[in-house]
Amino acid sequence: MDSTLEIRKRIHDFIDIADERILRIINSIIDAEEDSELKSSEYPQVPDHIYDRIEEERGKY
């Protein structure tokens, strides 16, 4: 398996010769990733122990 460094170099080398269609695809991937990061920061993850506690309490009723 390629190391992260090898993958980065391969991607950099590829981008230098990529056509417009590929560049637009890569750009869309980056946009989607940034949107995903933004949304996840707006709504912090609820820890699993909270869900466990909710299920425990629900079981009492």
N, C-alpha and C. Protein backbone atom coordinates (compact mmCIF):
# COMPACT_ATOMS: atom_id res chain seq x y z
N MET A 1 0.86 -1.19 0.00
CA MET A 1 0.00 0.00 0.00
C MET A 1 0.89 1.24 0.00
N ASP A 2 0.47 2.24 -0.73
CA ASP A 2 1.22 3.48 -0.82
C ASP A 2 1.10 4.26 0.48
N SER A 3 2.20 4.92 0.85
CA SER A 3 2.16 5.80 2.01
C SER A 3 1.41 7.08 1.64
N THR A 4 1.01 7.81 2.63
CA THR A 4 0.33 9.08 2.40
C THR A 4 1.20 10.02 1.57
N LEU A 5 2.47 10.04 1.86
CA LEU A 5 3.39 10.89 1.12
C LEU A 5 3.43 10.50 -0.37
N GLU A 6 3.46 9.20 -0.64
CA GLU A 6 3.47 8.73 -2.02
C GLU A 6 2.18 9.09 -2.75
N ILE A 7 1.08 8.95 -2.04
CA ILE A 7 -0.23 9.30 -2.63
C ILE A 7 -0.28 10.79 -2.95
N ARG A 8 0.16 11.62 -2.01
CA ARG A 8 0.17 13.07 -2.24
C ARG A 8 1.01 13.43 -3.47
N LYS A 9 2.19 12.84 -3.58
CA LYS A 9 3.07 13.13 -4.71
C LYS A 9 2.40 12.69 -6.01
N ARG A 10 1.81 11.52 -6.01
CA ARG A 10 1.15 11.03 -7.22
C ARG A 10 0.02 11.96 -7.65
N ILE A 11 -0.77 12.41 -6.68
CA ILE A 11 -1.88 13.32 -6.98
C ILE A 11 -1.35 14.65 -7.51
N HIS A 12 -0.32 15.19 -6.85
CA HIS A 12 0.28 16.45 -7.33
C HIS A 12 0.77 16.32 -8.77
N ASP A 13 1.48 15.22 -9.04
CA ASP A 13 2.00 15.00 -10.39
C ASP A 13 0.85 14.88 -11.40
N PHE A 14 -0.21 14.19 -11.02
CA PHE A 14 -1.34 13.99 -11.92
C PHE A 14 -2.06 15.31 -12.20
N ILE A 15 -2.25 16.11 -11.18
CA ILE A 15 -2.96 17.38 -11.35
C ILE A 15 -2.23 18.30 -12.34
N ASP A 16 -0.92 18.22 -12.33
CA ASP A 16 -0.15 19.06 -13.26
C ASP A 16 -0.45 18.75 -14.73
N ILE A 17 -0.91 17.52 -15.02
CA ILE A 17 -1.17 17.15 -16.42
C ILE A 17 -2.65 16.88 -16.69
N ALA A 18 -3.50 17.01 -15.67
CA ALA A 18 -4.92 16.68 -15.81
C ALA A 18 -5.65 17.68 -16.71
N ASP A 19 -6.67 17.17 -17.39
CA ASP A 19 -7.48 18.07 -18.22
C ASP A 19 -8.54 18.76 -17.36
N GLU A 20 -9.27 19.68 -17.97
CA GLU A 20 -10.24 20.49 -17.23
C GLU A 20 -11.31 19.64 -16.55
N ARG A 21 -11.78 18.60 -17.22
CA ARG A 21 -12.83 17.75 -16.66
C ARG A 21 -12.38 17.12 -15.34
N ILE A 22 -11.18 16.59 -15.32
CA ILE A 22 -10.65 15.97 -14.10
C ILE A 22 -10.46 17.02 -13.01
N LEU A 23 -9.97 18.18 -13.37
CA LEU A 23 -9.78 19.25 -12.39
C LEU A 23 -11.11 19.67 -11.78
N ARG A 24 -12.15 19.73 -12.59
CA ARG A 24 -13.48 20.08 -12.06
C ARG A 24 -14.00 18.99 -11.12
N ILE A 25 -13.75 17.74 -11.45
CA ILE A 25 -14.16 16.63 -10.58
C ILE A 25 -13.45 16.72 -9.24
N ILE A 26 -12.15 16.91 -9.28
CA ILE A 26 -11.36 17.03 -8.05
C ILE A 26 -11.83 18.23 -7.23
N ASN A 27 -12.11 19.34 -7.90
CA ASN A 27 -12.60 20.53 -7.22
C ASN A 27 -13.93 20.26 -6.54
N SER A 28 -14.79 19.51 -7.20
CA SER A 28 -16.09 19.16 -6.61
C SER A 28 -15.92 18.29 -5.38
N ILE A 29 -14.97 17.38 -5.43
CA ILE A 29 -14.68 16.54 -4.27
C ILE A 29 -14.22 17.41 -3.10
N ILE A 30 -13.35 18.35 -3.38
CA ILE A 30 -12.86 19.26 -2.33
C ILE A 30 -14.01 20.07 -1.75
N ASP A 31 -14.88 20.60 -2.62
CA ASP A 31 -16.04 21.37 -2.14
C ASP A 31 -16.93 20.52 -1.24
N ALA A 32 -17.18 19.29 -1.65
CA ALA A 32 -18.04 18.40 -0.86
C ALA A 32 -17.41 18.11 0.49
N GLU A 33 -16.11 17.90 0.51
CA GLU A 33 -15.41 17.63 1.77
C GLU A 33 -15.46 18.85 2.69
N GLU A 34 -15.27 20.03 2.14
CA GLU A 34 -15.34 21.25 2.95
C GLU A 34 -16.75 21.47 3.49
N ASP A 35 -17.76 21.20 2.67
CA ASP A 35 -19.15 21.31 3.13
C ASP A 35 -19.42 20.33 4.26
N SER A 36 -18.91 19.13 4.13
CA SER A 36 -19.09 18.09 5.14
C SER A 36 -18.43 18.50 6.46
N GLU A 37 -17.23 19.04 6.38
CA GLU A 37 -16.53 19.49 7.59
C GLU A 37 -17.27 20.64 8.25
N LEU A 38 -17.82 21.54 7.45
CA LEU A 38 -18.56 22.68 7.99
C LEU A 38 -19.81 22.19 8.71
N LYS A 39 -20.54 21.27 8.09
CA LYS A 39 -21.76 20.76 8.71
C LYS A 39 -21.46 20.00 9.99
N SER A 40 -20.39 19.22 10.00
CA SER A 40 -20.07 18.46 11.20
C SER A 40 -19.64 19.38 12.34
N SER A 41 -19.07 20.54 12.02
CA SER A 41 -18.68 21.46 13.08
C SER A 41 -19.89 22.23 13.62
N GLU A 42 -20.94 22.37 12.81
CA GLU A 42 -22.15 23.05 13.26
C GLU A 42 -22.92 22.18 14.27
N TYR A 43 -22.87 20.88 14.05
CA TYR A 43 -23.59 19.94 14.90
C TYR A 43 -22.59 18.95 15.48
N PRO A 44 -22.12 19.21 16.68
CA PRO A 44 -21.12 18.32 17.27
C PRO A 44 -21.67 16.90 17.45
N GLN A 45 -20.79 15.93 17.38
CA GLN A 45 -21.17 14.54 17.54
C GLN A 45 -21.63 14.30 18.97
N VAL A 46 -22.68 13.49 19.11
CA VAL A 46 -23.18 13.10 20.43
C VAL A 46 -22.42 11.83 20.82
N PRO A 47 -21.80 11.82 21.98
CA PRO A 47 -21.04 10.64 22.39
C PRO A 47 -21.96 9.42 22.56
N ASP A 48 -21.42 8.24 22.29
CA ASP A 48 -22.19 7.00 22.38
C ASP A 48 -22.76 6.78 23.77
N HIS A 49 -22.04 7.20 24.81
CA HIS A 49 -22.55 6.95 26.16
C HIS A 49 -23.87 7.70 26.41
N ILE A 50 -24.11 8.77 25.70
CA ILE A 50 -25.38 9.49 25.84
C ILE A 50 -26.51 8.63 25.28
N TYR A 51 -26.28 8.04 24.10
CA TYR A 51 -27.30 7.16 23.52
C TYR A 51 -27.54 5.95 24.41
N ASP A 52 -26.47 5.41 25.00
CA ASP A 52 -26.62 4.27 25.91
C ASP A 52 -27.49 4.66 27.10
N ARG A 53 -27.25 5.83 27.61
CA ARG A 53 -28.03 6.31 28.78
C ARG A 53 -29.50 6.50 28.40
N ILE A 54 -29.76 7.04 27.22
CA ILE A 54 -31.14 7.22 26.76
C ILE A 54 -31.84 5.88 26.66
N GLU A 55 -31.17 4.89 26.07
CA GLU A 55 -31.76 3.55 25.95
C GLU A 55 -32.01 2.95 27.33
N GLU A 56 -31.09 3.17 28.24
CA GLU A 56 -31.25 2.67 29.61
C GLU A 56 -32.50 3.27 30.26
N GLU A 57 -32.65 4.58 30.11
CA GLU A 57 -33.82 5.27 30.69
C GLU A 57 -35.12 4.84 30.02
N ARG A 58 -35.07 4.68 28.70
CA ARG A 58 -36.27 4.23 27.98
C ARG A 58 -36.71 2.85 28.46
N GLY A 59 -35.74 2.01 28.77
CA GLY A 59 -36.05 0.66 29.22
C GLY A 59 -36.81 0.66 30.54
N LYS A 60 -36.68 1.70 31.32
CA LYS A 60 -37.39 1.78 32.60
C LYS A 60 -38.87 2.02 32.41
N TYR A 61 -39.24 2.54 31.25
CA TYR A 61 -40.63 2.87 31.01
C TYR A 61 -41.20 1.89 30.03
